[in-house]
Amino acid sequence: MNKTRLEAFSDGVLAIIITIMILEIKVPAGHEFADLKPLIPKFLSYVLSFIYVGIYWNNHHYLLHGLSKVNGKVLWSNLHLLFWLSLIPVSTGWMGEHNFAKASMALYGIILLLCAIAYVILQYVIMCNEGEDSPLRKALGKDLKGKVSAVLYIIGIISSFYNVWISGAAYFIVAMSWLIPDKRIERVFDSND
């Protein structure tokens, strides 16, 4: 199997995830700007989650760029990632609906952490699939940014029960650190082309 079908399916799932998230924001009943005020938490949670899904979509593209062959392990690892990503709309909706309540912030962080773990598993499977000379293996190196992100997710989860502002800041910092595409992968693949 070539990777085109895998990419197309993944892109479709990610597009549906974004669509589900925006459908959670309902049109206000009133016709004044003040009627938009209750939507602010929903909108903010949507923006953060949209950024996260966009980051995964972008990095997933580069991840699959280095894939030369697809096998069952790659397919299942990719589905594992998509499963956790598909839960983002639930936690996003809950977080926005309840003004960033403690439990919703914790669940959001848990899902983000599980998405990150699933992404690392997919990276590992692809590197094993491609062998010791995998360009992806060269690009990732020690993956310090990925490890710091996991630590920040854990800080965000734990702090959500004490201070949701710290929790939100942790999730926001991770998103901002990944907002710019990962140049490590881009540089290695550009040099191989």
N, C-alpha and C. Protein backbone atom coordinates (compact mmCIF):
# COMPACT_ATOMS: atom_id res chain seq x y z
N MET A 1 0.84 -1.18 0.00
CA MET A 1 0.00 0.00 0.00
C MET A 1 0.89 1.24 0.00
N ASN A 2 0.49 2.25 -0.77
CA ASN A 2 1.25 3.50 -0.71
C ASN A 2 0.63 4.43 0.33
N LYS A 3 1.31 5.52 0.58
CA LYS A 3 0.90 6.39 1.67
C LYS A 3 -0.21 7.36 1.29
N THR A 4 -0.58 7.45 0.03
CA THR A 4 -1.59 8.40 -0.42
C THR A 4 -2.93 8.17 0.27
N ARG A 5 -3.33 6.91 0.36
CA ARG A 5 -4.61 6.59 0.99
C ARG A 5 -4.58 6.94 2.48
N LEU A 6 -3.46 6.66 3.13
CA LEU A 6 -3.29 6.99 4.54
C LEU A 6 -3.38 8.49 4.77
N GLU A 7 -2.72 9.27 3.92
CA GLU A 7 -2.75 10.73 4.04
C GLU A 7 -4.16 11.27 3.81
N ALA A 8 -4.83 10.77 2.79
CA ALA A 8 -6.17 11.25 2.45
C ALA A 8 -7.15 10.95 3.59
N PHE A 9 -7.08 9.75 4.13
CA PHE A 9 -7.97 9.39 5.23
C PHE A 9 -7.70 10.27 6.45
N SER A 10 -6.43 10.45 6.78
CA SER A 10 -6.06 11.27 7.94
C SER A 10 -6.51 12.71 7.75
N ASP A 11 -6.30 13.26 6.57
CA ASP A 11 -6.73 14.63 6.29
C ASP A 11 -8.25 14.76 6.44
N GLY A 12 -8.98 13.75 5.98
CA GLY A 12 -10.44 13.77 6.10
C GLY A 12 -10.90 13.75 7.55
N VAL A 13 -10.26 12.92 8.36
CA VAL A 13 -10.62 12.83 9.78
C VAL A 13 -10.33 14.16 10.47
N LEU A 14 -9.19 14.75 10.19
CA LEU A 14 -8.84 16.02 10.82
C LEU A 14 -9.79 17.13 10.39
N ALA A 15 -10.22 17.12 9.14
CA ALA A 15 -11.19 18.12 8.68
C ALA A 15 -12.52 17.94 9.39
N ILE A 16 -12.93 16.72 9.61
CA ILE A 16 -14.18 16.45 10.32
C ILE A 16 -14.07 16.91 11.78
N ILE A 17 -12.93 16.68 12.40
CA ILE A 17 -12.72 17.11 13.79
C ILE A 17 -12.91 18.62 13.90
N ILE A 18 -12.34 19.38 12.98
CA ILE A 18 -12.48 20.84 13.01
C ILE A 18 -13.94 21.23 12.76
N THR A 19 -14.59 20.54 11.86
CA THR A 19 -16.00 20.83 11.57
C THR A 19 -16.87 20.59 12.79
N ILE A 20 -16.64 19.48 13.47
CA ILE A 20 -17.43 19.18 14.68
C ILE A 20 -17.21 20.26 15.73
N MET A 21 -15.98 20.73 15.88
CA MET A 21 -15.70 21.75 16.90
C MET A 21 -16.45 23.05 16.61
N ILE A 22 -16.49 23.50 15.37
CA ILE A 22 -17.16 24.77 15.06
C ILE A 22 -18.67 24.61 15.18
N LEU A 23 -19.19 23.44 14.93
CA LEU A 23 -20.63 23.22 15.06
C LEU A 23 -21.10 23.28 16.52
N GLU A 24 -20.16 23.15 17.46
CA GLU A 24 -20.49 23.27 18.88
C GLU A 24 -20.79 24.71 19.27
N ILE A 25 -20.36 25.66 18.48
CA ILE A 25 -20.62 27.07 18.78
C ILE A 25 -21.93 27.45 18.09
N LYS A 26 -22.96 27.60 18.89
CA LYS A 26 -24.30 27.89 18.38
C LYS A 26 -24.49 29.39 18.18
N VAL A 27 -25.32 29.74 17.23
CA VAL A 27 -25.66 31.14 16.97
C VAL A 27 -26.47 31.67 18.15
N PRO A 28 -26.12 32.86 18.66
CA PRO A 28 -26.87 33.39 19.81
C PRO A 28 -28.31 33.74 19.42
N ALA A 29 -29.19 33.69 20.41
CA ALA A 29 -30.60 33.96 20.17
C ALA A 29 -30.85 35.45 19.90
N GLY A 30 -30.10 36.31 20.54
CA GLY A 30 -30.31 37.75 20.40
C GLY A 30 -29.66 38.33 19.17
N HIS A 31 -29.87 39.63 18.99
CA HIS A 31 -29.32 40.31 17.81
C HIS A 31 -28.37 41.46 18.16
N GLU A 32 -27.95 41.52 19.41
CA GLU A 32 -27.03 42.55 19.87
C GLU A 32 -25.63 41.94 20.08
N PHE A 33 -24.62 42.80 20.00
CA PHE A 33 -23.26 42.33 20.26
C PHE A 33 -23.12 41.74 21.66
N ALA A 34 -23.87 42.26 22.60
CA ALA A 34 -23.82 41.74 23.97
C ALA A 34 -24.24 40.27 24.04
N ASP A 35 -25.04 39.83 23.07
CA ASP A 35 -25.49 38.44 23.03
C ASP A 35 -24.36 37.48 22.67
N LEU A 36 -23.26 38.02 22.19
CA LEU A 36 -22.09 37.19 21.85
C LEU A 36 -21.24 36.86 23.07
N LYS A 37 -21.40 37.63 24.15
CA LYS A 37 -20.55 37.48 25.33
C LYS A 37 -20.52 36.04 25.88
N PRO A 38 -21.66 35.34 25.98
CA PRO A 38 -21.60 33.97 26.48
C PRO A 38 -20.81 33.00 25.58
N LEU A 39 -20.57 33.42 24.34
CA LEU A 39 -19.83 32.56 23.41
C LEU A 39 -18.31 32.69 23.55
N ILE A 40 -17.86 33.67 24.31
CA ILE A 40 -16.41 33.91 24.42
C ILE A 40 -15.66 32.68 24.90
N PRO A 41 -16.06 32.00 25.99
CA PRO A 41 -15.30 30.80 26.41
C PRO A 41 -15.32 29.69 25.34
N LYS A 42 -16.46 29.54 24.68
CA LYS A 42 -16.54 28.52 23.62
C LYS A 42 -15.61 28.87 22.46
N PHE A 43 -15.60 30.16 22.10
CA PHE A 43 -14.75 30.60 21.01
C PHE A 43 -13.27 30.45 21.36
N LEU A 44 -12.89 30.82 22.57
CA LEU A 44 -11.49 30.70 22.98
C LEU A 44 -11.04 29.23 23.02
N SER A 45 -11.90 28.35 23.52
CA SER A 45 -11.53 26.93 23.54
C SER A 45 -11.45 26.38 22.12
N TYR A 46 -12.33 26.87 21.24
CA TYR A 46 -12.29 26.46 19.83
C TYR A 46 -10.98 26.92 19.18
N VAL A 47 -10.59 28.16 19.41
CA VAL A 47 -9.36 28.69 18.80
C VAL A 47 -8.15 27.85 19.23
N LEU A 48 -8.05 27.58 20.53
CA LEU A 48 -6.91 26.79 21.02
C LEU A 48 -6.92 25.39 20.40
N SER A 49 -8.08 24.77 20.36
CA SER A 49 -8.17 23.42 19.79
C SER A 49 -7.94 23.42 18.29
N PHE A 50 -8.40 24.46 17.60
CA PHE A 50 -8.15 24.58 16.16
C PHE A 50 -6.65 24.65 15.92
N ILE A 51 -5.95 25.41 16.74
CA ILE A 51 -4.49 25.52 16.61
C ILE A 51 -3.85 24.14 16.82
N TYR A 52 -4.29 23.43 17.87
CA TYR A 52 -3.74 22.09 18.11
C TYR A 52 -3.98 21.15 16.94
N VAL A 53 -5.19 21.10 16.44
CA VAL A 53 -5.49 20.20 15.31
C VAL A 53 -4.67 20.62 14.09
N GLY A 54 -4.54 21.93 13.88
CA GLY A 54 -3.71 22.41 12.77
C GLY A 54 -2.25 22.02 12.91
N ILE A 55 -1.75 22.07 14.13
CA ILE A 55 -0.36 21.65 14.39
C ILE A 55 -0.20 20.18 14.06
N TYR A 56 -1.12 19.36 14.52
CA TYR A 56 -1.03 17.93 14.23
C TYR A 56 -1.14 17.68 12.72
N TRP A 57 -2.03 18.39 12.05
CA TRP A 57 -2.19 18.21 10.60
C TRP A 57 -0.89 18.56 9.89
N ASN A 58 -0.29 19.68 10.27
CA ASN A 58 0.95 20.13 9.64
C ASN A 58 2.09 19.14 9.90
N ASN A 59 2.30 18.77 11.16
CA ASN A 59 3.40 17.87 11.49
C ASN A 59 3.16 16.46 10.97
N HIS A 60 1.90 16.05 10.91
CA HIS A 60 1.55 14.74 10.35
C HIS A 60 1.95 14.69 8.88
N HIS A 61 1.75 15.79 8.18
CA HIS A 61 2.15 15.88 6.76
C HIS A 61 3.65 15.61 6.62
N TYR A 62 4.45 16.28 7.43
CA TYR A 62 5.90 16.07 7.35
C TYR A 62 6.30 14.67 7.82
N LEU A 63 5.60 14.18 8.79
CA LEU A 63 5.88 12.84 9.30
C LEU A 63 5.69 11.80 8.19
N LEU A 64 4.58 11.92 7.46
CA LEU A 64 4.29 10.96 6.40
C LEU A 64 5.12 11.20 5.15
N HIS A 65 5.68 12.40 5.03
CA HIS A 65 6.53 12.70 3.87
C HIS A 65 7.73 11.74 3.81
N GLY A 66 8.24 11.36 4.95
CA GLY A 66 9.40 10.48 4.99
C GLY A 66 9.07 9.01 4.95
N LEU A 67 7.80 8.69 4.80
CA LEU A 67 7.36 7.30 4.79
C LEU A 67 7.42 6.74 3.38
N SER A 68 8.15 5.65 3.21
CA SER A 68 8.27 5.07 1.87
C SER A 68 7.33 3.88 1.68
N LYS A 69 6.96 3.21 2.77
CA LYS A 69 6.06 2.07 2.66
C LYS A 69 5.14 2.03 3.88
N VAL A 70 3.93 1.56 3.64
CA VAL A 70 2.93 1.49 4.70
C VAL A 70 2.70 0.02 5.03
N ASN A 71 2.67 -0.28 6.33
CA ASN A 71 2.33 -1.63 6.75
C ASN A 71 1.25 -1.55 7.83
N GLY A 72 0.86 -2.67 8.36
CA GLY A 72 -0.19 -2.71 9.37
C GLY A 72 0.14 -1.91 10.61
N LYS A 73 1.39 -1.96 11.04
CA LYS A 73 1.79 -1.21 12.24
C LYS A 73 1.61 0.29 12.03
N VAL A 74 1.98 0.76 10.87
CA VAL A 74 1.83 2.19 10.56
C VAL A 74 0.34 2.55 10.53
N LEU A 75 -0.46 1.71 9.88
CA LEU A 75 -1.91 1.98 9.79
C LEU A 75 -2.54 2.05 11.18
N TRP A 76 -2.24 1.07 12.03
CA TRP A 76 -2.84 1.05 13.36
C TRP A 76 -2.31 2.16 14.26
N SER A 77 -1.05 2.49 14.11
CA SER A 77 -0.48 3.61 14.88
C SER A 77 -1.13 4.92 14.47
N ASN A 78 -1.37 5.07 13.19
CA ASN A 78 -2.03 6.28 12.68
C ASN A 78 -3.47 6.34 13.19
N LEU A 79 -4.17 5.23 13.16
CA LEU A 79 -5.55 5.20 13.68
C LEU A 79 -5.57 5.51 15.17
N HIS A 80 -4.58 5.02 15.89
CA HIS A 80 -4.47 5.31 17.32
C HIS A 80 -4.37 6.82 17.54
N LEU A 81 -3.54 7.49 16.76
CA LEU A 81 -3.42 8.95 16.85
C LEU A 81 -4.75 9.62 16.51
N LEU A 82 -5.37 9.19 15.43
CA LEU A 82 -6.64 9.80 15.02
C LEU A 82 -7.73 9.59 16.06
N PHE A 83 -7.70 8.46 16.76
CA PHE A 83 -8.68 8.22 17.82
C PHE A 83 -8.59 9.30 18.89
N TRP A 84 -7.38 9.54 19.40
CA TRP A 84 -7.22 10.54 20.45
C TRP A 84 -7.52 11.94 19.94
N LEU A 85 -7.11 12.24 18.73
CA LEU A 85 -7.43 13.54 18.15
C LEU A 85 -8.95 13.73 18.01
N SER A 86 -9.66 12.65 17.72
CA SER A 86 -11.11 12.76 17.54
C SER A 86 -11.84 13.07 18.84
N LEU A 87 -11.18 12.93 19.98
CA LEU A 87 -11.78 13.27 21.26
C LEU A 87 -11.60 14.75 21.62
N ILE A 88 -10.79 15.46 20.87
CA ILE A 88 -10.57 16.88 21.15
C ILE A 88 -11.88 17.67 21.11
N PRO A 89 -12.78 17.45 20.15
CA PRO A 89 -14.03 18.22 20.16
C PRO A 89 -14.86 18.05 21.43
N VAL A 90 -14.85 16.86 22.02
CA VAL A 90 -15.62 16.63 23.25
C VAL A 90 -15.07 17.47 24.39
N SER A 91 -13.76 17.41 24.58
CA SER A 91 -13.17 18.18 25.68
C SER A 91 -13.22 19.67 25.39
N THR A 92 -13.10 20.06 24.13
CA THR A 92 -13.20 21.47 23.76
C THR A 92 -14.59 22.00 24.08
N GLY A 93 -15.61 21.24 23.69
CA GLY A 93 -16.98 21.65 23.95
C GLY A 93 -17.27 21.75 25.44
N TRP A 94 -16.81 20.77 26.20
CA TRP A 94 -17.05 20.74 27.64
C TRP A 94 -16.35 21.92 28.32
N MET A 95 -15.13 22.17 27.90
CA MET A 95 -14.34 23.27 28.47
C MET A 95 -15.01 24.61 28.18
N GLY A 96 -15.44 24.81 26.94
CA GLY A 96 -16.08 26.06 26.57
C GLY A 96 -17.46 26.24 27.20
N GLU A 97 -18.19 25.16 27.28
CA GLU A 97 -19.55 25.21 27.85
C GLU A 97 -19.54 25.54 29.34
N HIS A 98 -18.51 25.14 30.04
CA HIS A 98 -18.45 25.33 31.49
C HIS A 98 -17.35 26.28 31.92
N ASN A 99 -17.02 27.24 31.04
CA ASN A 99 -16.09 28.32 31.37
C ASN A 99 -14.77 27.83 31.97
N PHE A 100 -14.18 26.83 31.34
CA PHE A 100 -12.86 26.34 31.72
C PHE A 100 -12.83 25.80 33.15
N ALA A 101 -13.87 25.04 33.50
CA ALA A 101 -13.96 24.44 34.84
C ALA A 101 -12.80 23.45 35.03
N LYS A 102 -12.49 23.17 36.29
CA LYS A 102 -11.34 22.34 36.65
C LYS A 102 -11.33 20.98 35.95
N ALA A 103 -12.42 20.25 36.06
CA ALA A 103 -12.46 18.90 35.47
C ALA A 103 -12.33 18.96 33.95
N SER A 104 -12.96 19.96 33.33
CA SER A 104 -12.87 20.07 31.87
C SER A 104 -11.44 20.40 31.43
N MET A 105 -10.75 21.22 32.21
CA MET A 105 -9.35 21.55 31.90
C MET A 105 -8.45 20.32 32.07
N ALA A 106 -8.74 19.52 33.10
CA ALA A 106 -7.96 18.30 33.31
C ALA A 106 -8.18 17.33 32.16
N LEU A 107 -9.45 17.13 31.78
CA LEU A 107 -9.74 16.22 30.67
C LEU A 107 -9.08 16.69 29.38
N TYR A 108 -9.14 17.99 29.13
CA TYR A 108 -8.51 18.55 27.94
C TYR A 108 -7.01 18.22 27.92
N GLY A 109 -6.36 18.43 29.05
CA GLY A 109 -4.93 18.13 29.14
C GLY A 109 -4.63 16.65 28.98
N ILE A 110 -5.47 15.81 29.56
CA ILE A 110 -5.27 14.35 29.42
C ILE A 110 -5.37 13.95 27.96
N ILE A 111 -6.37 14.48 27.26
CA ILE A 111 -6.52 14.14 25.84
C ILE A 111 -5.34 14.68 25.04
N LEU A 112 -4.88 15.89 25.34
CA LEU A 112 -3.71 16.42 24.63
C LEU A 112 -2.48 15.57 24.90
N LEU A 113 -2.30 15.13 26.13
CA LEU A 113 -1.17 14.27 26.47
C LEU A 113 -1.26 12.94 25.72
N LEU A 114 -2.44 12.36 25.67
CA LEU A 114 -2.61 11.09 24.96
C LEU A 114 -2.42 11.25 23.45
N CYS A 115 -2.82 12.40 22.90
CA CYS A 115 -2.53 12.69 21.49
C CYS A 115 -1.02 12.74 21.26
N ALA A 116 -0.31 13.41 22.17
CA ALA A 116 1.14 13.53 22.04
C ALA A 116 1.81 12.16 22.13
N ILE A 117 1.35 11.33 23.06
CA ILE A 117 1.91 9.98 23.19
C ILE A 117 1.64 9.17 21.92
N ALA A 118 0.42 9.27 21.40
CA ALA A 118 0.08 8.55 20.17
C ALA A 118 0.93 9.03 19.00
N TYR A 119 1.22 10.32 18.94
CA TYR A 119 2.06 10.87 17.88
C TYR A 119 3.48 10.32 17.99
N VAL A 120 4.00 10.26 19.21
CA VAL A 120 5.34 9.70 19.43
C VAL A 120 5.38 8.23 19.02
N ILE A 121 4.33 7.50 19.33
CA ILE A 121 4.26 6.09 18.92
C ILE A 121 4.29 5.99 17.40
N LEU A 122 3.51 6.83 16.72
CA LEU A 122 3.51 6.81 15.25
C LEU A 122 4.90 7.15 14.71
N GLN A 123 5.55 8.15 15.30
CA GLN A 123 6.92 8.49 14.89
C GLN A 123 7.84 7.27 15.02
N TYR A 124 7.76 6.63 16.17
CA TYR A 124 8.61 5.48 16.44
C TYR A 124 8.36 4.35 15.45
N VAL A 125 7.10 4.07 15.18
CA VAL A 125 6.75 3.00 14.23
C VAL A 125 7.28 3.34 12.84
N ILE A 126 7.14 4.58 12.43
CA ILE A 126 7.64 5.00 11.11
C ILE A 126 9.16 4.89 11.07
N MET A 127 9.84 5.31 12.13
CA MET A 127 11.31 5.21 12.15
C MET A 127 11.75 3.75 12.08
N CYS A 128 11.07 2.86 12.81
CA CYS A 128 11.40 1.44 12.76
C CYS A 128 11.11 0.86 11.38
N ASN A 129 10.02 1.32 10.78
CA ASN A 129 9.61 0.87 9.46
C ASN A 129 10.62 1.27 8.39
N GLU A 130 11.21 2.44 8.57
CA GLU A 130 12.13 2.98 7.57
C GLU A 130 13.58 2.57 7.81
N GLY A 131 13.88 2.00 8.96
CA GLY A 131 15.23 1.50 9.24
C GLY A 131 16.13 2.52 9.91
N GLU A 132 17.35 2.09 10.16
CA GLU A 132 18.33 2.89 10.91
C GLU A 132 18.68 4.20 10.21
N ASP A 133 18.63 4.23 8.89
CA ASP A 133 19.00 5.43 8.14
C ASP A 133 17.80 6.32 7.84
N SER A 134 16.73 6.15 8.58
CA SER A 134 15.52 6.93 8.38
C SER A 134 15.80 8.43 8.50
N PRO A 135 15.41 9.21 7.49
CA PRO A 135 15.57 10.67 7.60
C PRO A 135 14.83 11.23 8.81
N LEU A 136 13.71 10.62 9.15
CA LEU A 136 12.94 11.08 10.31
C LEU A 136 13.75 10.91 11.59
N ARG A 137 14.45 9.79 11.71
CA ARG A 137 15.28 9.53 12.89
C ARG A 137 16.36 10.61 13.02
N LYS A 138 16.96 10.99 11.89
CA LYS A 138 17.98 12.04 11.90
C LYS A 138 17.36 13.38 12.29
N ALA A 139 16.18 13.65 11.77
CA ALA A 139 15.53 14.95 12.01
C ALA A 139 15.13 15.13 13.47
N LEU A 140 14.61 14.09 14.08
CA LEU A 140 14.07 14.22 15.43
C LEU A 140 15.14 14.33 16.50
N GLY A 141 16.23 13.62 16.30
CA GLY A 141 17.28 13.65 17.31
C GLY A 141 16.74 13.23 18.67
N LYS A 142 17.01 14.03 19.69
CA LYS A 142 16.56 13.70 21.05
C LYS A 142 15.14 14.20 21.32
N ASP A 143 14.56 14.97 20.43
CA ASP A 143 13.19 15.47 20.52
C ASP A 143 12.91 16.16 21.86
N LEU A 144 13.75 17.12 22.19
CA LEU A 144 13.60 17.85 23.44
C LEU A 144 12.25 18.59 23.50
N LYS A 145 11.84 19.17 22.38
CA LYS A 145 10.57 19.90 22.35
C LYS A 145 9.39 18.98 22.68
N GLY A 146 9.42 17.77 22.19
CA GLY A 146 8.37 16.81 22.50
C GLY A 146 8.35 16.44 23.97
N LYS A 147 9.52 16.27 24.56
CA LYS A 147 9.60 15.91 25.99
C LYS A 147 9.14 17.07 26.88
N VAL A 148 9.54 18.28 26.53
CA VAL A 148 9.11 19.45 27.30
C VAL A 148 7.59 19.62 27.20
N SER A 149 7.04 19.35 26.02
CA SER A 149 5.59 19.44 25.83
C SER A 149 4.86 18.48 26.76
N ALA A 150 5.35 17.25 26.85
CA ALA A 150 4.72 16.26 27.73
C ALA A 150 4.75 16.72 29.18
N VAL A 151 5.87 17.28 29.59
CA VAL A 151 5.98 17.79 30.97
C VAL A 151 4.98 18.92 31.20
N LEU A 152 4.85 19.81 30.23
CA LEU A 152 3.90 20.92 30.36
C LEU A 152 2.46 20.41 30.40
N TYR A 153 2.15 19.39 29.63
CA TYR A 153 0.80 18.80 29.70
C TYR A 153 0.53 18.26 31.10
N ILE A 154 1.50 17.57 31.66
CA ILE A 154 1.33 17.00 33.01
C ILE A 154 1.17 18.13 34.04
N ILE A 155 1.96 19.18 33.90
CA ILE A 155 1.80 20.35 34.78
C ILE A 155 0.40 20.94 34.62
N GLY A 156 -0.06 21.04 33.38
CA GLY A 156 -1.39 21.58 33.12
C GLY A 156 -2.49 20.73 33.72
N ILE A 157 -2.35 19.42 33.62
CA ILE A 157 -3.36 18.50 34.18
C ILE A 157 -3.42 18.64 35.70
N ILE A 158 -2.26 18.57 36.33
CA ILE A 158 -2.21 18.64 37.79
C ILE A 158 -2.68 20.01 38.29
N SER A 159 -2.20 21.07 37.66
CA SER A 159 -2.56 22.41 38.12
C SER A 159 -4.02 22.76 37.84
N SER A 160 -4.67 22.03 36.93
CA SER A 160 -6.08 22.33 36.64
C SER A 160 -6.96 22.18 37.87
N PHE A 161 -6.56 21.37 38.82
CA PHE A 161 -7.34 21.18 40.04
C PHE A 161 -7.08 22.28 41.08
N TYR A 162 -6.06 23.09 40.85
CA TYR A 162 -5.69 24.14 41.79
C TYR A 162 -5.86 25.53 41.20
N ASN A 163 -5.44 25.68 39.93
CA ASN A 163 -5.49 26.98 39.29
C ASN A 163 -5.62 26.78 37.78
N VAL A 164 -6.82 27.05 37.25
CA VAL A 164 -7.05 26.81 35.82
C VAL A 164 -6.27 27.77 34.94
N TRP A 165 -5.85 28.91 35.48
CA TRP A 165 -5.04 29.84 34.70
C TRP A 165 -3.66 29.25 34.40
N ILE A 166 -3.07 28.61 35.38
CA ILE A 166 -1.77 27.95 35.18
C ILE A 166 -1.94 26.81 34.18
N SER A 167 -3.00 26.06 34.35
CA SER A 167 -3.29 24.95 33.44
C SER A 167 -3.43 25.46 32.00
N GLY A 168 -4.25 26.48 31.83
CA GLY A 168 -4.45 27.05 30.50
C GLY A 168 -3.16 27.61 29.92
N ALA A 169 -2.35 28.23 30.77
CA ALA A 169 -1.07 28.77 30.31
C ALA A 169 -0.16 27.65 29.81
N ALA A 170 -0.15 26.52 30.52
CA ALA A 170 0.69 25.39 30.10
C ALA A 170 0.27 24.89 28.71
N TYR A 171 -1.04 24.73 28.52
CA TYR A 171 -1.54 24.26 27.22
C TYR A 171 -1.26 25.28 26.12
N PHE A 172 -1.40 26.56 26.45
CA PHE A 172 -1.15 27.62 25.48
C PHE A 172 0.33 27.66 25.09
N ILE A 173 1.22 27.51 26.07
CA ILE A 173 2.66 27.54 25.79
C ILE A 173 3.05 26.40 24.86
N VAL A 174 2.49 25.21 25.10
CA VAL A 174 2.79 24.07 24.21
C VAL A 174 2.32 24.39 22.79
N ALA A 175 1.10 24.90 22.67
CA ALA A 175 0.58 25.22 21.34
C ALA A 175 1.46 26.24 20.63
N MET A 176 1.86 27.28 21.35
CA MET A 176 2.69 28.31 20.72
C MET A 176 4.07 27.78 20.33
N SER A 177 4.59 26.84 21.12
CA SER A 177 5.91 26.29 20.79
C SER A 177 5.87 25.43 19.53
N TRP A 178 4.72 24.87 19.20
CA TRP A 178 4.58 24.02 18.02
C TRP A 178 3.91 24.73 16.85
N LEU A 179 3.46 25.96 17.06
CA LEU A 179 2.71 26.67 16.02
C LEU A 179 3.54 26.82 14.74
N ILE A 180 4.79 27.12 14.91
CA ILE A 180 5.69 27.20 13.75
C ILE A 180 6.08 25.77 13.39
N PRO A 181 5.92 25.37 12.13
CA PRO A 181 6.24 24.00 11.76
C PRO A 181 7.64 23.58 12.18
N ASP A 182 7.77 22.30 12.49
CA ASP A 182 9.02 21.75 12.99
C ASP A 182 10.07 21.78 11.88
N LYS A 183 11.00 22.69 11.97
CA LYS A 183 12.03 22.89 10.94
C LYS A 183 13.02 21.73 10.87
N ARG A 184 13.14 20.95 11.96
CA ARG A 184 14.08 19.83 11.95
C ARG A 184 13.71 18.86 10.83
N ILE A 185 12.45 18.53 10.75
CA ILE A 185 12.00 17.57 9.74
C ILE A 185 12.07 18.19 8.36
N GLU A 186 11.64 19.43 8.25
CA GLU A 186 11.65 20.14 6.97
C GLU A 186 13.05 20.20 6.38
N ARG A 187 14.03 20.54 7.21
CA ARG A 187 15.43 20.66 6.74
C ARG A 187 15.97 19.32 6.23
N VAL A 188 15.72 18.25 6.95
CA VAL A 188 16.25 16.95 6.55
C VAL A 188 15.63 16.50 5.25
N PHE A 189 14.32 16.66 5.11
CA PHE A 189 13.66 16.22 3.87
C PHE A 189 14.02 17.11 2.68
N ASP A 190 14.21 18.40 2.93
CA ASP A 190 14.62 19.28 1.85
C ASP A 190 16.02 18.92 1.35
N SER A 191 16.91 18.52 2.26
CA SER A 191 18.27 18.17 1.86
C SER A 191 18.31 16.82 1.14
N ASN A 192 17.30 15.95 1.37
CA ASN A 192 17.27 14.65 0.71
C ASN A 192 16.63 14.70 -0.66
N ASP A 193 15.86 15.77 -0.94
CA ASP A 193 15.18 15.88 -2.25
C ASP A 193 16.12 16.34 -3.34
